[in-house]
Amino acid sequence: MAAAAADNLSHAPQTPRLLILHRFPTFKLSLFSSLATRFTILDPFSDPPHPSFSTLSKLARVILCVGPKPVTSEDLDRYPAVEYIVGTSAGVNHFDLAACRLRGIRVTSAGDVFSDDVADYAVGLLIDVLRRVSAADRFVRASSWGEGKEYALASKVSGKRVGIVGLGSIGSRVAKRLEAFGCRISYKSRKMHPHVSYTYYANILDLASNSDVLILCCALTDETYHVVNRDVITALGKTGILVNIGRGSLVDEKELVGFLVRGELGGAGLDVFEHEPRVPEELFTLDNVVLSPHRAVFTPESFAGLEELATSNLEAFFSDKPLKAEISLE
């Protein structure tokens, strides 16, 4: 009898591994299909909707947050059993981390999956702004070449004094790439990194004053909101260049636009904006500004790495194993 009971237990249905998909309606990733073979995915935007979404979502232990979709305390109220949030962005400023800490919810990010791609993009934006690559492309496409129209001189990249705000996974890679151009690197970070030879500035104003280029690679927090303000842009100067591949709200965008329109800043390469997807129209006609629709992270290689990390972390969570790229909530 005992053997029969044990056999029945071994064949009892297992509790489904429920996974709430938290995303903007327009966000879709290829990793959805592969996860569907391993987990029961509860997507509020699925068509048709999961017949038991209302009931099962209250039992689900995991939220997979795709992109920068905010996870608020109200969201967590709707999903009371959640113990773990899988982030798919390098930053986690869109999560209510205080609420997660109070509820004992674990959080992971994309870690350094995107770091190489974002660093490449930052350098690409800088080269484009200084060498006027996009502007030259527009000049040729407008049939202006050979018609006697003057094309403005560009500036060299090599030897520039580059200040990096945030010398983490992305910032350190940007620095390494620009070292190859003979650039002189300095940085502002939450703390000094004793293992690097770059000049450290505790104050971003001092960093800007001693830089030709300022590249923003830091996370958006209460402390870094509008860290680039009127004073910092003024310190960067009329020939200075700003590159932002962090978050739009790191910069006081209204001030930045004013400086660029008035010709009081040398140029900017912007992959992020304060009120995305809205971009200030005043920037559209400026040849010293390169605009990008928040695409620095998007490559097939980075998506493959993200899929591998997310899948690995989900399997680890359901097996009570350590998580990768976990955020400290202390």
C-alpha atoms as a PDB file:
ATOM      1  CA  MET A   1       0.000   0.000   0.000  1.00  0.00           C
ATOM      2  CA  ALA A   2       2.840   2.335   0.926  1.00  0.00           C
ATOM      3  CA  ALA A   3       4.475   1.632  -2.438  1.00  0.00           C
ATOM      4  CA  ALA A   4       1.241   2.418  -4.246  1.00  0.00           C
ATOM      5  CA  ALA A   5       0.873   5.687  -2.315  1.00  0.00           C
ATOM      6  CA  ALA A   6       4.430   6.669  -3.184  1.00  0.00           C
ATOM      7  CA  ASP A   7       3.798   5.867  -6.831  1.00  0.00           C
ATOM      8  CA  ASN A   8       0.650   7.983  -6.829  1.00  0.00           C
ATOM      9  CA  LEU A   9       2.590  10.867  -5.256  1.00  0.00           C
ATOM     10  CA  SER A  10       5.326  10.656  -7.887  1.00  0.00           C
ATOM     11  CA  HIS A  11       2.710  10.938 -10.601  1.00  0.00           C
ATOM     12  CA  ALA A  12       0.770  13.785  -8.958  1.00  0.00           C
ATOM     13  CA  PRO A  13       0.583  16.942 -11.056  1.00  0.00           C
ATOM     14  CA  GLN A  14       3.297  19.438 -10.242  1.00  0.00           C
ATOM     15  CA  THR A  15       2.502  23.014  -9.256  1.00  0.00           C
ATOM     16  CA  PRO A  16       2.849  25.070 -12.454  1.00  0.00           C
ATOM     17  CA  ARG A  17       5.756  27.485 -12.548  1.00  0.00           C
ATOM     18  CA  LEU A  18       3.776  30.671 -13.037  1.00  0.00           C
ATOM     19  CA  LEU A  19       5.361  33.706 -14.630  1.00  0.00           C
ATOM     20  CA  ILE A  20       3.636  37.104 -14.889  1.00  0.00           C
ATOM     21  CA  LEU A  21       4.720  39.057 -17.952  1.00  0.00           C
ATOM     22  CA  HIS A  22       4.901  42.774 -17.133  1.00  0.00           C
ATOM     23  CA  ARG A  23       5.359  44.912 -20.244  1.00  0.00           C
ATOM     24  CA  PHE A  24       4.115  47.786 -22.332  1.00  0.00           C
ATOM     25  CA  PRO A  25       1.592  46.507 -24.912  1.00  0.00           C
ATOM     26  CA  THR A  26       4.010  47.216 -27.775  1.00  0.00           C
ATOM     27  CA  PHE A  27       6.997  45.422 -26.224  1.00  0.00           C
ATOM     28  CA  LYS A  28       7.711  41.977 -27.593  1.00  0.00           C
ATOM     29  CA  LEU A  29      10.854  39.854 -27.303  1.00  0.00           C
ATOM     30  CA  SER A  30      11.859  36.616 -28.995  1.00  0.00           C
ATOM     31  CA  LEU A  31      12.512  35.021 -25.613  1.00  0.00           C
ATOM     32  CA  PHE A  32       8.759  34.843 -24.951  1.00  0.00           C
ATOM     33  CA  SER A  33       8.380  31.746 -27.086  1.00  0.00           C
ATOM     34  CA  SER A  34      11.213  29.817 -25.462  1.00  0.00           C
ATOM     35  CA  LEU A  35      10.011  30.632 -21.952  1.00  0.00           C
ATOM     36  CA  ALA A  36       6.542  29.386 -22.841  1.00  0.00           C
ATOM     37  CA  THR A  37       7.931  25.855 -23.113  1.00  0.00           C
ATOM     38  CA  ARG A  38       9.247  25.970 -19.540  1.00  0.00           C
ATOM     39  CA  PHE A  39       6.799  28.155 -17.625  1.00  0.00           C
ATOM     40  CA  THR A  40       3.125  29.044 -17.536  1.00  0.00           C
ATOM     41  CA  ILE A  41       3.197  32.632 -18.796  1.00  0.00           C
ATOM     42  CA  LEU A  42       0.484  34.987 -17.629  1.00  0.00           C
ATOM     43  CA  ASP A  43       0.367  37.954 -19.979  1.00  0.00           C
ATOM     44  CA  PRO A  44      -2.325  40.580 -19.306  1.00  0.00           C
ATOM     45  CA  PHE A  45      -2.042  41.680 -22.943  1.00  0.00           C
ATOM     46  CA  SER A  46      -2.330  38.251 -24.550  1.00  0.00           C
ATOM     47  CA  ASP A  47      -5.024  37.782 -27.164  1.00  0.00           C
ATOM     48  CA  PRO A  48      -7.037  35.844 -26.254  1.00  0.00           C
ATOM     49  CA  PRO A  49      -6.362  36.393 -22.530  1.00  0.00           C
ATOM     50  CA  HIS A  50      -5.434  33.459 -20.312  1.00  0.00           C
ATOM     51  CA  PRO A  51      -8.779  32.111 -19.014  1.00  0.00           C
ATOM     52  CA  SER A  52      -7.490  31.871 -15.443  1.00  0.00           C
ATOM     53  CA  PHE A  53      -5.315  34.994 -15.365  1.00  0.00           C
ATOM     54  CA  SER A  54      -7.206  36.659 -12.517  1.00  0.00           C
ATOM     55  CA  THR A  55      -6.857  33.612 -10.267  1.00  0.00           C
ATOM     56  CA  LEU A  56      -3.387  32.407 -11.249  1.00  0.00           C
ATOM     57  CA  SER A  57      -1.765  35.866 -11.171  1.00  0.00           C
ATOM     58  CA  LYS A  58      -2.500  35.999  -7.439  1.00  0.00           C
ATOM     59  CA  LEU A  59      -0.533  32.765  -6.990  1.00  0.00           C
ATOM     60  CA  ALA A  60       2.450  33.605  -9.220  1.00  0.00           C
ATOM     61  CA  ARG A  61       5.800  34.017  -7.454  1.00  0.00           C
ATOM     62  CA  VAL A  62       7.658  35.726 -10.325  1.00  0.00           C
ATOM     63  CA  ILE A  63       7.261  38.837 -12.475  1.00  0.00           C
ATOM     64  CA  LEU A  64       9.265  39.121 -15.693  1.00  0.00           C
ATOM     65  CA  CYS A  65       9.479  42.834 -16.439  1.00  0.00           C
ATOM     66  CA  VAL A  66      10.228  43.495 -20.094  1.00  0.00           C
ATOM     67  CA  GLY A  67      11.876  46.849 -20.758  1.00  0.00           C
ATOM     68  CA  PRO A  68      11.383  49.912 -18.552  1.00  0.00           C
ATOM     69  CA  LYS A  69       7.766  49.195 -17.576  1.00  0.00           C
ATOM     70  CA  PRO A  70       7.388  50.532 -13.994  1.00  0.00           C
ATOM     71  CA  VAL A  71       6.648  48.034 -11.239  1.00  0.00           C
ATOM     72  CA  THR A  72       4.825  49.982  -8.560  1.00  0.00           C
ATOM     73  CA  SER A  73       3.582  49.171  -5.098  1.00  0.00           C
ATOM     74  CA  GLU A  74       0.093  49.013  -6.614  1.00  0.00           C
ATOM     75  CA  ASP A  75       1.273  46.374  -9.108  1.00  0.00           C
ATOM     76  CA  LEU A  76       2.638  44.316  -6.242  1.00  0.00           C
ATOM     77  CA  ASP A  77      -0.683  44.622  -4.425  1.00  0.00           C
ATOM     78  CA  ARG A  78      -2.315  42.974  -7.442  1.00  0.00           C
ATOM     79  CA  TYR A  79       0.209  40.134  -7.329  1.00  0.00           C
ATOM     80  CA  PRO A  80       0.493  39.335  -3.605  1.00  0.00           C
ATOM     81  CA  ALA A  81       2.473  36.090  -3.948  1.00  0.00           C
ATOM     82  CA  VAL A  82       5.378  37.597  -5.910  1.00  0.00           C
ATOM     83  CA  GLU A  83       8.808  36.850  -4.442  1.00  0.00           C
ATOM     84  CA  TYR A  84      11.062  37.702  -7.376  1.00  0.00           C
ATOM     85  CA  ILE A  85      11.186  40.322 -10.167  1.00  0.00           C
ATOM     86  CA  VAL A  86      13.286  39.550 -13.236  1.00  0.00           C
ATOM     87  CA  GLY A  87      14.440  42.836 -14.767  1.00  0.00           C
ATOM     88  CA  THR A  88      15.518  42.936 -18.398  1.00  0.00           C
ATOM     89  CA  SER A  89      17.143  46.392 -18.282  1.00  0.00           C
ATOM     90  CA  ALA A  90      20.549  47.349 -16.953  1.00  0.00           C
ATOM     91  CA  GLY A  91      18.885  49.947 -14.731  1.00  0.00           C
ATOM     92  CA  VAL A  92      16.206  49.284 -12.116  1.00  0.00           C
ATOM     93  CA  ASN A  93      15.005  52.827 -11.424  1.00  0.00           C
ATOM     94  CA  HIS A  94      11.582  51.859 -12.818  1.00  0.00           C
ATOM     95  CA  PHE A  95      11.023  49.468  -9.898  1.00  0.00           C
ATOM     96  CA  ASP A  96       9.690  50.562  -6.504  1.00  0.00           C
ATOM     97  CA  LEU A  97      12.700  49.129  -4.709  1.00  0.00           C
ATOM     98  CA  ALA A  98      11.525  50.372  -1.308  1.00  0.00           C
ATOM     99  CA  ALA A  99       8.318  48.356  -1.725  1.00  0.00           C
ATOM    100  CA  CYS A 100      10.340  45.335  -2.841  1.00  0.00           C
ATOM    101  CA  ARG A 101      12.550  45.617   0.226  1.00  0.00           C
ATOM    102  CA  LEU A 102       9.558  45.848   2.571  1.00  0.00           C
ATOM    103  CA  ARG A 103       7.943  42.791   0.972  1.00  0.00           C
ATOM    104  CA  GLY A 104      11.165  40.768   0.781  1.00  0.00           C
ATOM    105  CA  ILE A 105      11.018  40.586  -3.002  1.00  0.00           C
ATOM    106  CA  ARG A 106      14.272  39.777  -4.778  1.00  0.00           C
ATOM    107  CA  VAL A 107      15.232  41.739  -7.911  1.00  0.00           C
ATOM    108  CA  THR A 108      17.686  41.022 -10.707  1.00  0.00           C
ATOM    109  CA  SER A 109      18.734  43.223 -13.622  1.00  0.00           C
ATOM    110  CA  ALA A 110      20.253  42.526 -17.029  1.00  0.00           C
ATOM    111  CA  GLY A 111      23.660  42.815 -15.366  1.00  0.00           C
ATOM    112  CA  ASP A 112      26.418  43.403 -17.897  1.00  0.00           C
ATOM    113  CA  VAL A 113      24.603  41.683 -20.789  1.00  0.00           C
ATOM    114  CA  PHE A 114      24.203  45.008 -22.613  1.00  0.00           C
ATOM    115  CA  SER A 115      27.430  46.643 -21.466  1.00  0.00           C
ATOM    116  CA  ASP A 116      29.569  46.056 -24.572  1.00  0.00           C
ATOM    117  CA  ASP A 117      26.802  47.101 -26.940  1.00  0.00           C
ATOM    118  CA  VAL A 118      26.004  50.278 -25.002  1.00  0.00           C
ATOM    119  CA  ALA A 119      29.689  51.170 -24.724  1.00  0.00           C
ATOM    120  CA  ASP A 120      30.087  50.701 -28.484  1.00  0.00           C
ATOM    121  CA  TYR A 121      27.076  52.930 -29.050  1.00  0.00           C
ATOM    122  CA  ALA A 122      28.373  55.657 -26.753  1.00  0.00           C
ATOM    123  CA  VAL A 123      31.636  55.788 -28.681  1.00  0.00           C
ATOM    124  CA  GLY A 124      29.676  55.743 -31.949  1.00  0.00           C
ATOM    125  CA  LEU A 125      27.596  58.734 -30.867  1.00  0.00           C
ATOM    126  CA  LEU A 126      30.710  60.609 -29.822  1.00  0.00           C
ATOM    127  CA  ILE A 127      32.468  59.953 -33.131  1.00  0.00           C
ATOM    128  CA  ASP A 128      29.323  60.907 -35.031  1.00  0.00           C
ATOM    129  CA  VAL A 129      28.951  64.230 -33.209  1.00  0.00           C
ATOM    130  CA  LEU A 130      32.618  65.209 -33.413  1.00  0.00           C
ATOM    131  CA  ARG A 131      33.236  64.032 -36.999  1.00  0.00           C
ATOM    132  CA  ARG A 132      29.727  65.069 -38.151  1.00  0.00           C
ATOM    133  CA  VAL A 133      29.052  61.721 -39.814  1.00  0.00           C
ATOM    134  CA  SER A 134      25.248  61.998 -39.809  1.00  0.00           C
ATOM    135  CA  ALA A 135      25.453  65.624 -40.907  1.00  0.00           C
ATOM    136  CA  ALA A 136      27.760  64.643 -43.785  1.00  0.00           C
ATOM    137  CA  ASP A 137      25.314  61.929 -44.809  1.00  0.00           C
ATOM    138  CA  ARG A 138      22.477  64.460 -44.930  1.00  0.00           C
ATOM    139  CA  PHE A 139      24.704  66.877 -46.870  1.00  0.00           C
ATOM    140  CA  VAL A 140      25.352  64.273 -49.572  1.00  0.00           C
ATOM    141  CA  ARG A 141      21.747  63.038 -49.718  1.00  0.00           C
ATOM    142  CA  ALA A 142      20.561  66.617 -50.213  1.00  0.00           C
ATOM    143  CA  SER A 143      22.790  66.851 -53.328  1.00  0.00           C
ATOM    144  CA  SER A 144      24.681  69.718 -51.695  1.00  0.00           C
ATOM    145  CA  TRP A 145      28.096  68.256 -52.494  1.00  0.00           C
ATOM    146  CA  GLY A 146      29.536  69.843 -55.605  1.00  0.00           C
ATOM    147  CA  GLU A 147      27.025  72.682 -55.672  1.00  0.00           C
ATOM    148  CA  GLY A 148      29.336  75.158 -54.008  1.00  0.00           C
ATOM    149  CA  LYS A 149      27.733  74.794 -50.600  1.00  0.00           C
ATOM    150  CA  GLU A 150      30.163  74.911 -47.718  1.00  0.00           C
ATOM    151  CA  TYR A 151      30.374  71.957 -45.364  1.00  0.00           C
ATOM    152  CA  ALA A 152      31.450  72.798 -41.817  1.00  0.00           C
ATOM    153  CA  LEU A 153      34.687  71.427 -40.451  1.00  0.00           C
ATOM    154  CA  ALA A 154      34.473  68.531 -38.018  1.00  0.00           C
ATOM    155  CA  SER A 155      36.556  67.984 -34.891  1.00  0.00           C
ATOM    156  CA  LYS A 156      38.992  65.164 -34.175  1.00  0.00           C
ATOM    157  CA  VAL A 157      38.266  62.485 -31.596  1.00  0.00           C
ATOM    158  CA  SER A 158      41.814  61.522 -30.701  1.00  0.00           C
ATOM    159  CA  GLY A 159      43.301  63.202 -27.667  1.00  0.00           C
ATOM    160  CA  LYS A 160      40.058  64.576 -26.290  1.00  0.00           C
ATOM    161  CA  ARG A 161      39.629  64.947 -22.522  1.00  0.00           C
ATOM    162  CA  VAL A 162      36.713  62.633 -21.754  1.00  0.00           C
ATOM    163  CA  GLY A 163      34.840  62.751 -18.455  1.00  0.00           C
ATOM    164  CA  ILE A 164      32.719  59.695 -17.657  1.00  0.00           C
ATOM    165  CA  VAL A 165      29.903  59.893 -15.135  1.00  0.00           C
ATOM    166  CA  GLY A 166      29.535  56.405 -13.691  1.00  0.00           C
ATOM    167  CA  LEU A 167      32.540  54.104 -14.029  1.00  0.00           C
ATOM    168  CA  GLY A 168      30.604  50.872 -13.684  1.00  0.00           C
ATOM    169  CA  SER A 169      30.195  48.025 -16.140  1.00  0.00           C
ATOM    170  CA  ILE A 170      29.342  50.334 -19.065  1.00  0.00           C
ATOM    171  CA  GLY A 171      31.460  53.342 -18.120  1.00  0.00           C
ATOM    172  CA  SER A 172      34.611  51.280 -17.690  1.00  0.00           C
ATOM    173  CA  ARG A 173      34.118  49.762 -21.131  1.00  0.00           C
ATOM    174  CA  VAL A 174      33.625  53.220 -22.671  1.00  0.00           C
ATOM    175  CA  ALA A 175      36.872  54.335 -21.040  1.00  0.00           C
ATOM    176  CA  LYS A 176      38.767  51.323 -22.367  1.00  0.00           C
ATOM    177  CA  ARG A 177      37.560  51.952 -25.906  1.00  0.00           C
ATOM    178  CA  LEU A 178      38.441  55.632 -25.817  1.00  0.00           C
ATOM    179  CA  GLU A 179      41.901  54.926 -24.422  1.00  0.00           C
ATOM    180  CA  ALA A 180      42.621  53.435 -27.842  1.00  0.00           C
ATOM    181  CA  PHE A 181      41.922  56.908 -29.314  1.00  0.00           C
ATOM    182  CA  GLY A 182      44.503  58.449 -27.027  1.00  0.00           C
ATOM    183  CA  CYS A 183      41.806  60.196 -25.010  1.00  0.00           C
ATOM    184  CA  ARG A 184      42.571  61.344 -21.482  1.00  0.00           C
ATOM    185  CA  ILE A 185      39.994  59.757 -19.208  1.00  0.00           C
ATOM    186  CA  SER A 186      38.623  61.126 -15.956  1.00  0.00           C
ATOM    187  CA  TYR A 187      35.515  60.136 -14.070  1.00  0.00           C
ATOM    188  CA  LYS A 188      32.928  60.854 -11.398  1.00  0.00           C
ATOM    189  CA  SER A 189      31.461  57.866  -9.602  1.00  0.00           C
ATOM    190  CA  ARG A 190      29.867  57.058  -6.267  1.00  0.00           C
ATOM    191  CA  LYS A 191      33.321  56.186  -5.010  1.00  0.00           C
ATOM    192  CA  MET A 192      36.900  56.239  -6.219  1.00  0.00           C
ATOM    193  CA  HIS A 193      38.118  53.110  -8.001  1.00  0.00           C
ATOM    194  CA  PRO A 194      41.662  52.516  -6.697  1.00  0.00           C
ATOM    195  CA  HIS A 195      42.444  49.947  -9.394  1.00  0.00           C
ATOM    196  CA  VAL A 196      42.199  52.432 -12.296  1.00  0.00           C
ATOM    197  CA  SER A 197      44.630  55.148 -13.318  1.00  0.00           C
ATOM    198  CA  TYR A 198      42.012  57.652 -14.481  1.00  0.00           C
ATOM    199  CA  THR A 199      41.660  60.967 -12.674  1.00  0.00           C
ATOM    200  CA  TYR A 200      38.822  60.954 -10.155  1.00  0.00           C
ATOM    201  CA  TYR A 201      36.590  63.951  -9.442  1.00  0.00           C
ATOM    202  CA  ALA A 202      34.214  63.886  -6.489  1.00  0.00           C
ATOM    203  CA  ASN A 203      32.182  66.707  -8.051  1.00  0.00           C
ATOM    204  CA  ILE A 204      30.599  66.594 -11.505  1.00  0.00           C
ATOM    205  CA  LEU A 205      31.097  70.331 -11.889  1.00  0.00           C
ATOM    206  CA  ASP A 206      34.866  69.868 -11.566  1.00  0.00           C
ATOM    207  CA  LEU A 207      34.720  66.939 -13.975  1.00  0.00           C
ATOM    208  CA  ALA A 208      32.884  69.024 -16.582  1.00  0.00           C
ATOM    209  CA  SER A 209      35.293  71.931 -16.139  1.00  0.00           C
ATOM    210  CA  ASN A 210      38.201  69.642 -16.989  1.00  0.00           C
ATOM    211  CA  SER A 211      36.597  67.751 -19.894  1.00  0.00           C
ATOM    212  CA  ASP A 212      35.994  68.308 -23.595  1.00  0.00           C
ATOM    213  CA  VAL A 213      33.395  65.536 -23.567  1.00  0.00           C
ATOM    214  CA  LEU A 214      31.018  64.364 -20.850  1.00  0.00           C
ATOM    215  CA  ILE A 215      29.547  60.855 -21.212  1.00  0.00           C
ATOM    216  CA  LEU A 216      26.714  59.804 -18.921  1.00  0.00           C
ATOM    217  CA  CYS A 217      26.812  56.119 -17.981  1.00  0.00           C
ATOM    218  CA  CYS A 218      25.327  56.199 -14.487  1.00  0.00           C
ATOM    219  CA  ALA A 219      22.009  54.932 -13.161  1.00  0.00           C
ATOM    220  CA  LEU A 220      19.088  57.261 -12.562  1.00  0.00           C
ATOM    221  CA  THR A 221      18.490  57.743  -8.838  1.00  0.00           C
ATOM    222  CA  ASP A 222      17.197  60.516  -6.615  1.00  0.00           C
ATOM    223  CA  GLU A 223      20.795  61.715  -6.349  1.00  0.00           C
ATOM    224  CA  THR A 224      21.501  61.693 -10.101  1.00  0.00           C
ATOM    225  CA  TYR A 225      18.229  63.235 -11.285  1.00  0.00           C
ATOM    226  CA  HIS A 226      19.226  66.336 -13.340  1.00  0.00           C
ATOM    227  CA  VAL A 227      22.836  65.798 -12.304  1.00  0.00           C
ATOM    228  CA  VAL A 228      23.670  67.658 -15.526  1.00  0.00           C
ATOM    229  CA  ASN A 229      22.142  71.068 -14.936  1.00  0.00           C
ATOM    230  CA  ARG A 230      22.765  74.625 -16.116  1.00  0.00           C
ATOM    231  CA  ASP A 231      25.984  74.942 -14.107  1.00  0.00           C
ATOM    232  CA  VAL A 232      27.433  71.679 -15.443  1.00  0.00           C
ATOM    233  CA  ILE A 233      26.589  72.530 -19.057  1.00  0.00           C
ATOM    234  CA  THR A 234      28.126  75.971 -18.593  1.00  0.00           C
ATOM    235  CA  ALA A 235      31.279  74.361 -17.196  1.00  0.00           C
ATOM    236  CA  LEU A 236      31.469  72.014 -20.194  1.00  0.00           C
ATOM    237  CA  GLY A 237      31.581  75.086 -22.401  1.00  0.00           C
ATOM    238  CA  LYS A 238      30.849  76.252 -25.942  1.00  0.00           C
ATOM    239  CA  THR A 239      32.956  73.537 -27.540  1.00  0.00           C
ATOM    240  CA  GLY A 240      31.975  70.785 -25.121  1.00  0.00           C
ATOM    241  CA  ILE A 241      30.127  67.622 -26.128  1.00  0.00           C
ATOM    242  CA  LEU A 242      27.541  65.744 -24.076  1.00  0.00           C
ATOM    243  CA  VAL A 243      26.756  62.072 -24.732  1.00  0.00           C
ATOM    244  CA  ASN A 244      23.927  60.404 -22.827  1.00  0.00           C
ATOM    245  CA  ILE A 245      23.345  56.660 -22.978  1.00  0.00           C
ATOM    246  CA  GLY A 246      22.074  56.441 -19.388  1.00  0.00           C
ATOM    247  CA  ARG A 247      18.633  57.863 -18.729  1.00  0.00           C
ATOM    248  CA  GLY A 248      17.042  61.029 -20.086  1.00  0.00           C
ATOM    249  CA  SER A 249      16.333  62.519 -16.671  1.00  0.00           C
ATOM    250  CA  LEU A 250      20.017  62.584 -15.798  1.00  0.00           C
ATOM    251  CA  VAL A 251      19.949  65.852 -17.761  1.00  0.00           C
ATOM    252  CA  ASP A 252      17.845  68.961 -17.313  1.00  0.00           C
ATOM    253  CA  GLU A 253      16.594  68.642 -20.881  1.00  0.00           C
ATOM    254  CA  LYS A 254      15.069  72.113 -21.071  1.00  0.00           C
ATOM    255  CA  GLU A 255      18.414  73.661 -20.168  1.00  0.00           C
ATOM    256  CA  LEU A 256      20.297  71.402 -22.575  1.00  0.00           C
ATOM    257  CA  VAL A 257      18.036  72.352 -25.482  1.00  0.00           C
ATOM    258  CA  GLY A 258      18.465  76.041 -24.703  1.00  0.00           C
ATOM    259  CA  PHE A 259      22.260  75.794 -24.654  1.00  0.00           C
ATOM    260  CA  LEU A 260      22.333  73.886 -27.945  1.00  0.00           C
ATOM    261  CA  VAL A 261      19.921  76.224 -29.728  1.00  0.00           C
ATOM    262  CA  ARG A 262      21.882  79.275 -28.576  1.00  0.00           C
ATOM    263  CA  GLY A 263      25.181  77.733 -29.676  1.00  0.00           C
ATOM    264  CA  GLU A 264      26.506  77.673 -26.121  1.00  0.00           C
ATOM    265  CA  LEU A 265      27.345  73.949 -26.221  1.00  0.00           C
ATOM    266  CA  GLY A 266      29.404  72.250 -28.900  1.00  0.00           C
ATOM    267  CA  GLY A 267      27.067  69.323 -29.517  1.00  0.00           C
ATOM    268  CA  ALA A 268      25.310  66.292 -28.116  1.00  0.00           C
ATOM    269  CA  GLY A 269      24.751  62.603 -28.840  1.00  0.00           C
ATOM    270  CA  LEU A 270      21.514  61.488 -27.212  1.00  0.00           C
ATOM    271  CA  ASP A 271      20.084  57.982 -27.085  1.00  0.00           C
ATOM    272  CA  VAL A 272      17.723  58.812 -24.206  1.00  0.00           C
ATOM    273  CA  PHE A 273      15.341  61.655 -23.428  1.00  0.00           C
ATOM    274  CA  GLU A 274      13.522  62.973 -20.422  1.00  0.00           C
ATOM    275  CA  HIS A 275       9.984  62.389 -21.712  1.00  0.00           C
ATOM    276  CA  GLU A 276      10.355  59.471 -24.115  1.00  0.00           C
ATOM    277  CA  PRO A 277       9.245  58.976 -26.794  1.00  0.00           C
ATOM    278  CA  ARG A 278       8.816  62.739 -27.085  1.00  0.00           C
ATOM    279  CA  VAL A 279      11.954  64.489 -28.325  1.00  0.00           C
ATOM    280  CA  PRO A 280      12.293  68.295 -28.310  1.00  0.00           C
ATOM    281  CA  GLU A 281      11.660  69.434 -31.887  1.00  0.00           C
ATOM    282  CA  GLU A 282      14.194  72.242 -31.511  1.00  0.00           C
ATOM    283  CA  LEU A 283      16.911  69.587 -31.825  1.00  0.00           C
ATOM    284  CA  PHE A 284      15.746  68.271 -35.203  1.00  0.00           C
ATOM    285  CA  THR A 285      17.487  70.914 -37.308  1.00  0.00           C
ATOM    286  CA  LEU A 286      20.795  70.995 -35.416  1.00  0.00           C
ATOM    287  CA  ASP A 287      23.666  69.354 -37.281  1.00  0.00           C
ATOM    288  CA  ASN A 288      25.770  69.163 -34.111  1.00  0.00           C
ATOM    289  CA  VAL A 289      23.204  66.903 -32.411  1.00  0.00           C
ATOM    290  CA  VAL A 290      22.790  63.179 -33.086  1.00  0.00           C
ATOM    291  CA  LEU A 291      19.483  61.646 -31.975  1.00  0.00           C
ATOM    292  CA  SER A 292      18.722  57.981 -31.364  1.00  0.00           C
ATOM    293  CA  PRO A 293      15.472  56.297 -30.187  1.00  0.00           C
ATOM    294  CA  HIS A 294      16.835  54.559 -27.056  1.00  0.00           C
ATOM    295  CA  ARG A 295      18.420  51.770 -29.084  1.00  0.00           C
ATOM    296  CA  ALA A 296      21.904  51.389 -27.614  1.00  0.00           C
ATOM    297  CA  VAL A 297      21.146  48.008 -26.077  1.00  0.00           C
ATOM    298  CA  PHE A 298      19.434  46.433 -29.061  1.00  0.00           C
ATOM    299  CA  THR A 299      21.487  43.842 -30.940  1.00  0.00           C
ATOM    300  CA  PRO A 300      20.741  40.185 -31.693  1.00  0.00           C
ATOM    301  CA  GLU A 301      23.741  39.282 -29.554  1.00  0.00           C
ATOM    302  CA  SER A 302      22.505  41.215 -26.531  1.00  0.00           C
ATOM    303  CA  PHE A 303      19.028  39.712 -26.815  1.00  0.00           C
ATOM    304  CA  ALA A 304      20.540  36.227 -26.913  1.00  0.00           C
ATOM    305  CA  GLY A 305      22.551  37.030 -23.797  1.00  0.00           C
ATOM    306  CA  LEU A 306      19.472  38.420 -22.070  1.00  0.00           C
ATOM    307  CA  GLU A 307      17.454  35.311 -22.907  1.00  0.00           C
ATOM    308  CA  GLU A 308      20.203  33.111 -21.492  1.00  0.00           C
ATOM    309  CA  LEU A 309      20.456  35.182 -18.288  1.00  0.00           C
ATOM    310  CA  ALA A 310      16.694  35.398 -17.725  1.00  0.00           C
ATOM    311  CA  THR A 311      16.172  31.687 -18.330  1.00  0.00           C
ATOM    312  CA  SER A 312      19.096  30.786 -16.079  1.00  0.00           C
ATOM    313  CA  ASN A 313      17.807  32.995 -13.272  1.00  0.00           C
ATOM    314  CA  LEU A 314      14.279  31.662 -13.522  1.00  0.00           C
ATOM    315  CA  GLU A 315      15.504  28.078 -13.359  1.00  0.00           C
ATOM    316  CA  ALA A 316      17.739  29.015 -10.422  1.00  0.00           C
ATOM    317  CA  PHE A 317      14.877  30.656  -8.548  1.00  0.00           C
ATOM    318  CA  PHE A 318      12.570  27.680  -8.878  1.00  0.00           C
ATOM    319  CA  SER A 319      15.442  25.395  -7.825  1.00  0.00           C
ATOM    320  CA  ASP A 320      16.468  27.533  -4.817  1.00  0.00           C
ATOM    321  CA  LYS A 321      19.870  28.282  -6.337  1.00  0.00           C
ATOM    322  CA  PRO A 322      21.804  31.605  -6.350  1.00  0.00           C
ATOM    323  CA  LEU A 323      20.661  34.314  -8.766  1.00  0.00           C
ATOM    324  CA  LYS A 324      22.912  36.239 -11.131  1.00  0.00           C
ATOM    325  CA  ALA A 325      22.918  40.056 -11.309  1.00  0.00           C
ATOM    326  CA  GLU A 326      20.871  40.360  -8.132  1.00  0.00           C
ATOM    327  CA  ILE A 327      20.335  43.896  -6.831  1.00  0.00           C
ATOM    328  CA  SER A 328      21.164  44.632  -3.205  1.00  0.00           C
ATOM    329  CA  LEU A 329      18.142  46.234  -1.553  1.00  0.00           C
ATOM    330  CA  GLU A 330      19.906  47.017   1.728  1.00  0.00           C
END
